[in-house]
Amino acid sequence: MTLVLVVAGCGSGTKTVDRHAVEQGAKDALAKKVGRPPQSISCPKNLDAKVGASERCRLSDRGFTVGMTVTVTKVHGGGVTYTVAVDKQ
């Protein structure tokens, strides 16, 4: 699934996507795909706003936890497009 989020700058000048925005964006996209959001998604840090950057996150729902990978596919204007791939159980 593909998502678009807003990029923010941090003190070092590196542009990132806030981890909370990534978590919420992934929850919203999964809700559209399967009819409801997972109970939680947790990403350990902000996502670098550069093509190819990726972050491993955890999805928890109904007593199980699986990994997922968020990967930036495009940087444009004030945002990024990224994909979310949930690991198979």
N, C-alpha and C. Protein backbone atom coordinates (compact mmCIF):
# COMPACT_ATOMS: atom_id res chain seq x y z
N MET A 1 0.84 -1.17 0.00
CA MET A 1 0.00 0.00 0.00
C MET A 1 0.88 1.23 0.00
N THR A 2 0.44 2.29 -0.65
CA THR A 2 1.21 3.51 -0.79
C THR A 2 0.54 4.63 0.00
N LEU A 3 1.35 5.44 0.68
CA LEU A 3 0.85 6.54 1.50
C LEU A 3 1.63 7.80 1.19
N VAL A 4 1.05 8.96 1.46
CA VAL A 4 1.73 10.25 1.29
C VAL A 4 1.68 10.99 2.62
N LEU A 5 2.84 11.48 3.07
CA LEU A 5 2.91 12.23 4.32
C LEU A 5 3.74 13.49 4.16
N VAL A 6 3.60 14.41 5.10
CA VAL A 6 4.32 15.68 5.10
C VAL A 6 5.70 15.50 5.72
N VAL A 7 6.68 16.18 5.14
CA VAL A 7 8.07 16.15 5.62
C VAL A 7 8.29 17.31 6.58
N ALA A 8 9.08 17.06 7.61
CA ALA A 8 9.46 18.12 8.55
C ALA A 8 10.98 18.14 8.66
N GLY A 9 11.53 19.30 8.96
CA GLY A 9 12.97 19.40 9.17
C GLY A 9 13.28 19.18 10.63
N CYS A 10 14.46 18.64 10.91
CA CYS A 10 14.88 18.54 12.30
C CYS A 10 16.14 19.38 12.48
N GLY A 11 16.62 19.53 13.69
CA GLY A 11 17.72 20.42 14.01
C GLY A 11 18.97 20.22 13.16
N SER A 12 19.27 19.00 12.75
CA SER A 12 20.49 18.74 12.00
C SER A 12 20.36 19.11 10.52
N GLY A 13 19.19 19.56 10.10
CA GLY A 13 18.96 19.90 8.71
C GLY A 13 18.43 18.74 7.89
N THR A 14 18.44 17.55 8.45
CA THR A 14 17.92 16.38 7.76
C THR A 14 16.40 16.43 7.77
N LYS A 15 15.80 16.19 6.63
CA LYS A 15 14.34 16.17 6.57
C LYS A 15 13.86 14.77 6.93
N THR A 16 12.83 14.72 7.77
CA THR A 16 12.28 13.45 8.23
C THR A 16 10.77 13.50 8.25
N VAL A 17 10.18 12.32 8.35
CA VAL A 17 8.75 12.20 8.60
C VAL A 17 8.62 11.72 10.03
N ASP A 18 7.89 12.45 10.84
CA ASP A 18 7.70 12.11 12.24
C ASP A 18 7.18 10.68 12.38
N ARG A 19 7.75 9.92 13.29
CA ARG A 19 7.36 8.51 13.45
C ARG A 19 5.88 8.36 13.80
N HIS A 20 5.34 9.30 14.53
CA HIS A 20 3.92 9.23 14.88
C HIS A 20 3.04 9.41 13.64
N ALA A 21 3.48 10.26 12.71
CA ALA A 21 2.74 10.44 11.46
C ALA A 21 2.81 9.17 10.62
N VAL A 22 3.97 8.51 10.61
CA VAL A 22 4.11 7.25 9.88
C VAL A 22 3.19 6.20 10.49
N GLU A 23 3.19 6.10 11.80
CA GLU A 23 2.33 5.13 12.50
C GLU A 23 0.85 5.37 12.17
N GLN A 24 0.42 6.63 12.27
CA GLN A 24 -0.99 6.94 12.01
C GLN A 24 -1.34 6.73 10.54
N GLY A 25 -0.45 7.12 9.65
CA GLY A 25 -0.70 6.93 8.22
C GLY A 25 -0.85 5.46 7.87
N ALA A 26 0.00 4.62 8.46
CA ALA A 26 -0.08 3.18 8.22
C ALA A 26 -1.38 2.61 8.79
N LYS A 27 -1.77 3.06 9.98
CA LYS A 27 -3.04 2.61 10.58
C LYS A 27 -4.23 2.98 9.68
N ASP A 28 -4.23 4.22 9.18
CA ASP A 28 -5.32 4.68 8.33
C ASP A 28 -5.39 3.87 7.03
N ALA A 29 -4.23 3.61 6.44
CA ALA A 29 -4.21 2.85 5.19
C ALA A 29 -4.68 1.41 5.40
N LEU A 30 -4.25 0.80 6.50
CA LEU A 30 -4.69 -0.56 6.79
C LEU A 30 -6.19 -0.60 7.07
N ALA A 31 -6.71 0.42 7.73
CA ALA A 31 -8.15 0.49 7.99
C ALA A 31 -8.94 0.51 6.69
N LYS A 32 -8.45 1.26 5.70
CA LYS A 32 -9.12 1.31 4.40
C LYS A 32 -9.05 -0.04 3.69
N LYS A 33 -7.92 -0.72 3.87
CA LYS A 33 -7.72 -1.99 3.16
C LYS A 33 -8.50 -3.14 3.79
N VAL A 34 -8.52 -3.23 5.12
CA VAL A 34 -9.15 -4.39 5.78
C VAL A 34 -10.41 -4.04 6.56
N GLY A 35 -10.80 -2.77 6.57
CA GLY A 35 -12.06 -2.40 7.19
C GLY A 35 -11.96 -1.89 8.62
N ARG A 36 -10.79 -1.98 9.23
CA ARG A 36 -10.58 -1.42 10.57
C ARG A 36 -9.09 -1.28 10.81
N PRO A 37 -8.70 -0.33 11.68
CA PRO A 37 -7.27 -0.15 11.94
C PRO A 37 -6.77 -1.23 12.91
N PRO A 38 -5.48 -1.51 12.87
CA PRO A 38 -4.91 -2.40 13.88
C PRO A 38 -4.91 -1.68 15.24
N GLN A 39 -4.76 -2.44 16.31
CA GLN A 39 -4.75 -1.82 17.64
C GLN A 39 -3.59 -0.85 17.79
N SER A 40 -2.41 -1.23 17.30
CA SER A 40 -1.28 -0.30 17.40
C SER A 40 -0.22 -0.60 16.35
N ILE A 41 0.49 0.45 15.99
CA ILE A 41 1.69 0.36 15.16
C ILE A 41 2.74 1.18 15.86
N SER A 42 3.93 0.62 16.00
CA SER A 42 5.01 1.29 16.70
C SER A 42 6.26 1.31 15.84
N CYS A 43 6.75 2.52 15.56
CA CYS A 43 8.00 2.71 14.81
C CYS A 43 9.02 3.32 15.76
N PRO A 44 10.27 2.85 15.74
CA PRO A 44 11.25 3.30 16.73
C PRO A 44 11.80 4.72 16.53
N LYS A 45 11.74 5.26 15.30
CA LYS A 45 12.31 6.59 15.08
C LYS A 45 11.65 7.23 13.86
N ASN A 46 11.97 8.51 13.63
CA ASN A 46 11.47 9.20 12.46
C ASN A 46 12.03 8.55 11.20
N LEU A 47 11.31 8.70 10.10
CA LEU A 47 11.70 8.13 8.82
C LEU A 47 12.42 9.20 8.01
N ASP A 48 13.65 8.91 7.54
CA ASP A 48 14.37 9.87 6.70
C ASP A 48 13.60 10.12 5.42
N ALA A 49 13.52 11.37 5.02
CA ALA A 49 12.78 11.75 3.81
C ALA A 49 13.69 11.69 2.60
N LYS A 50 14.14 10.49 2.26
CA LYS A 50 14.94 10.31 1.05
C LYS A 50 14.55 8.96 0.43
N VAL A 51 14.52 8.94 -0.89
CA VAL A 51 14.11 7.74 -1.61
C VAL A 51 14.98 6.56 -1.19
N GLY A 52 14.33 5.46 -0.87
CA GLY A 52 15.02 4.24 -0.46
C GLY A 52 15.17 4.09 1.04
N ALA A 53 14.96 5.17 1.80
CA ALA A 53 15.05 5.06 3.25
C ALA A 53 13.93 4.15 3.74
N SER A 54 14.23 3.33 4.73
CA SER A 54 13.19 2.44 5.26
C SER A 54 13.29 2.36 6.76
N GLU A 55 12.22 1.90 7.36
CA GLU A 55 12.11 1.77 8.80
C GLU A 55 11.33 0.50 9.11
N ARG A 56 11.81 -0.28 10.07
CA ARG A 56 11.08 -1.46 10.54
C ARG A 56 10.19 -1.03 11.69
N CYS A 57 8.93 -1.40 11.61
CA CYS A 57 7.95 -1.08 12.65
C CYS A 57 7.26 -2.36 13.10
N ARG A 58 6.47 -2.26 14.18
CA ARG A 58 5.72 -3.41 14.69
C ARG A 58 4.24 -3.09 14.67
N LEU A 59 3.47 -4.06 14.21
CA LEU A 59 2.01 -3.95 14.18
C LEU A 59 1.49 -4.96 15.19
N SER A 60 0.65 -4.50 16.12
CA SER A 60 0.04 -5.37 17.12
C SER A 60 -1.47 -5.30 16.98
N ASP A 61 -2.11 -6.48 17.00
CA ASP A 61 -3.55 -6.53 16.87
C ASP A 61 -4.07 -7.89 17.33
N ARG A 62 -5.09 -7.87 18.15
CA ARG A 62 -5.78 -9.07 18.60
C ARG A 62 -4.83 -10.17 19.09
N GLY A 63 -3.86 -9.77 19.89
CA GLY A 63 -2.97 -10.74 20.52
C GLY A 63 -1.77 -11.19 19.71
N PHE A 64 -1.58 -10.68 18.53
CA PHE A 64 -0.40 -11.05 17.76
C PHE A 64 0.37 -9.79 17.36
N THR A 65 1.66 -9.98 17.11
CA THR A 65 2.53 -8.89 16.68
C THR A 65 3.31 -9.36 15.46
N VAL A 66 3.35 -8.52 14.44
CA VAL A 66 4.13 -8.81 13.23
C VAL A 66 4.95 -7.58 12.88
N GLY A 67 6.00 -7.81 12.14
CA GLY A 67 6.82 -6.70 11.67
C GLY A 67 6.26 -6.11 10.40
N MET A 68 6.68 -4.91 10.11
CA MET A 68 6.31 -4.26 8.86
C MET A 68 7.44 -3.32 8.46
N THR A 69 7.57 -3.09 7.17
CA THR A 69 8.61 -2.20 6.66
C THR A 69 7.97 -1.03 5.94
N VAL A 70 8.40 0.16 6.28
CA VAL A 70 7.96 1.38 5.63
C VAL A 70 9.14 1.86 4.78
N THR A 71 8.91 2.08 3.48
CA THR A 71 9.99 2.48 2.56
C THR A 71 9.57 3.70 1.76
N VAL A 72 10.42 4.73 1.74
CA VAL A 72 10.14 5.95 0.97
C VAL A 72 10.37 5.65 -0.51
N THR A 73 9.35 5.97 -1.33
CA THR A 73 9.45 5.74 -2.77
C THR A 73 9.58 7.03 -3.57
N LYS A 74 9.19 8.17 -2.98
CA LYS A 74 9.26 9.44 -3.71
C LYS A 74 9.27 10.58 -2.71
N VAL A 75 10.08 11.59 -2.98
CA VAL A 75 10.09 12.82 -2.19
C VAL A 75 9.64 13.93 -3.12
N HIS A 76 8.63 14.68 -2.69
CA HIS A 76 8.06 15.72 -3.55
C HIS A 76 7.57 16.88 -2.71
N GLY A 77 7.92 18.09 -3.11
CA GLY A 77 7.47 19.28 -2.40
C GLY A 77 7.68 19.14 -0.90
N GLY A 78 6.61 19.25 -0.15
CA GLY A 78 6.69 19.13 1.31
C GLY A 78 6.27 17.78 1.82
N GLY A 79 6.37 16.75 1.01
CA GLY A 79 5.93 15.44 1.47
C GLY A 79 6.71 14.30 0.86
N VAL A 80 6.39 13.10 1.31
CA VAL A 80 6.98 11.88 0.77
C VAL A 80 5.87 10.89 0.48
N THR A 81 6.14 10.02 -0.46
CA THR A 81 5.26 8.88 -0.72
C THR A 81 6.03 7.66 -0.25
N TYR A 82 5.37 6.78 0.47
CA TYR A 82 6.04 5.58 0.93
C TYR A 82 5.10 4.39 0.88
N THR A 83 5.70 3.21 0.91
CA THR A 83 4.92 1.98 0.90
C THR A 83 5.04 1.32 2.27
N VAL A 84 4.03 0.53 2.61
CA VAL A 84 4.02 -0.23 3.84
C VAL A 84 3.83 -1.70 3.47
N ALA A 85 4.75 -2.53 3.92
CA ALA A 85 4.66 -3.97 3.66
C ALA A 85 4.63 -4.70 4.99
N VAL A 86 3.52 -5.37 5.28
CA VAL A 86 3.38 -6.12 6.52
C VAL A 86 3.93 -7.52 6.29
N ASP A 87 4.75 -8.01 7.23
CA ASP A 87 5.31 -9.35 7.14
C ASP A 87 4.18 -10.38 7.16
N LYS A 88 4.41 -11.47 6.48
CA LYS A 88 3.44 -12.58 6.51
C LYS A 88 3.62 -13.33 7.81
N GLN A 89 2.51 -13.85 8.33
CA GLN A 89 2.57 -14.62 9.58
C GLN A 89 2.98 -16.02 9.29
